[in-house]
Amino acid sequence: MRKLFCAPTAMMRVPPIKNPLIAAVIIVLSLHVLNNLDINEVSGLN
């Protein structure tokens, strides 16, 4: 999980994103990670 979470943040630290497809993939991956974290928190509370 740490590698999946660190990869998008490391890529976002690069100022110029030349390829918009790479940026889109990073955004989608980050959204999936956030969704998974939210689902885990909700299931943990329940």
C-alpha atoms as a PDB file:
ATOM      1  CA  MET A   1       0.000   0.000   0.000  1.00  0.00           C
ATOM      2  CA  ARG A   2       2.834   2.402   0.784  1.00  0.00           C
ATOM      3  CA  LYS A   3       4.306   1.981  -2.698  1.00  0.00           C
ATOM      4  CA  LEU A   4       0.913   2.622  -4.341  1.00  0.00           C
ATOM      5  CA  PHE A   5       0.392   5.711  -2.197  1.00  0.00           C
ATOM      6  CA  CYS A   6       3.934   7.079  -2.611  1.00  0.00           C
ATOM      7  CA  ALA A   7       4.082   6.607  -6.385  1.00  0.00           C
ATOM      8  CA  PRO A   8       1.401   9.209  -7.281  1.00  0.00           C
ATOM      9  CA  THR A   9       2.712  11.741  -4.753  1.00  0.00           C
ATOM     10  CA  ALA A  10       6.259  11.340  -6.066  1.00  0.00           C
ATOM     11  CA  MET A  11       5.055  11.887  -9.635  1.00  0.00           C
ATOM     12  CA  MET A  12       2.980  14.922  -8.596  1.00  0.00           C
ATOM     13  CA  ARG A  13       6.114  16.513  -7.121  1.00  0.00           C
ATOM     14  CA  VAL A  14       7.564  16.750 -10.632  1.00  0.00           C
ATOM     15  CA  PRO A  15       6.649  20.301 -11.762  1.00  0.00           C
ATOM     16  CA  PRO A  16       6.144  19.720 -15.508  1.00  0.00           C
ATOM     17  CA  ILE A  17       3.921  16.811 -16.503  1.00  0.00           C
ATOM     18  CA  LYS A  18       4.619  16.554 -20.227  1.00  0.00           C
ATOM     19  CA  ASN A  19       2.223  13.714 -20.931  1.00  0.00           C
ATOM     20  CA  PRO A  20      -1.436  14.400 -20.042  1.00  0.00           C
ATOM     21  CA  LEU A  21      -2.148  10.652 -20.143  1.00  0.00           C
ATOM     22  CA  ILE A  22       0.354  10.111 -17.321  1.00  0.00           C
ATOM     23  CA  ALA A  23      -1.343  12.864 -15.301  1.00  0.00           C
ATOM     24  CA  ALA A  24      -4.755  11.253 -15.908  1.00  0.00           C
ATOM     25  CA  VAL A  25      -3.476   7.837 -14.800  1.00  0.00           C
ATOM     26  CA  ILE A  26      -1.944   9.345 -11.648  1.00  0.00           C
ATOM     27  CA  ILE A  27      -5.229  11.096 -10.804  1.00  0.00           C
ATOM     28  CA  VAL A  28      -7.239   7.909 -11.344  1.00  0.00           C
ATOM     29  CA  LEU A  29      -4.830   5.866  -9.214  1.00  0.00           C
ATOM     30  CA  SER A  30      -4.916   8.457  -6.427  1.00  0.00           C
ATOM     31  CA  LEU A  31      -8.731   8.481  -6.508  1.00  0.00           C
ATOM     32  CA  HIS A  32      -8.807   4.681  -6.273  1.00  0.00           C
ATOM     33  CA  VAL A  33      -6.422   4.786  -3.296  1.00  0.00           C
ATOM     34  CA  LEU A  34      -8.571   7.410  -1.560  1.00  0.00           C
ATOM     35  CA  ASN A  35     -11.721   5.369  -2.238  1.00  0.00           C
ATOM     36  CA  ASN A  36     -10.086   2.240  -0.838  1.00  0.00           C
ATOM     37  CA  LEU A  37      -8.997   4.117   2.300  1.00  0.00           C
ATOM     38  CA  ASP A  38     -12.518   5.522   2.784  1.00  0.00           C
ATOM     39  CA  ILE A  39     -14.076   2.071   2.348  1.00  0.00           C
ATOM     40  CA  ASN A  40     -11.638   0.588   4.852  1.00  0.00           C
ATOM     41  CA  GLU A  41     -12.408   3.310   7.401  1.00  0.00           C
ATOM     42  CA  VAL A  42     -16.170   2.874   7.017  1.00  0.00           C
ATOM     43  CA  SER A  43     -15.936  -0.928   7.282  1.00  0.00           C
ATOM     44  CA  GLY A  44     -13.703  -0.530  10.356  1.00  0.00           C
ATOM     45  CA  LEU A  45     -16.227   1.757  12.070  1.00  0.00           C
ATOM     46  CA  ASN A  46     -19.081  -0.622  11.256  1.00  0.00           C
END
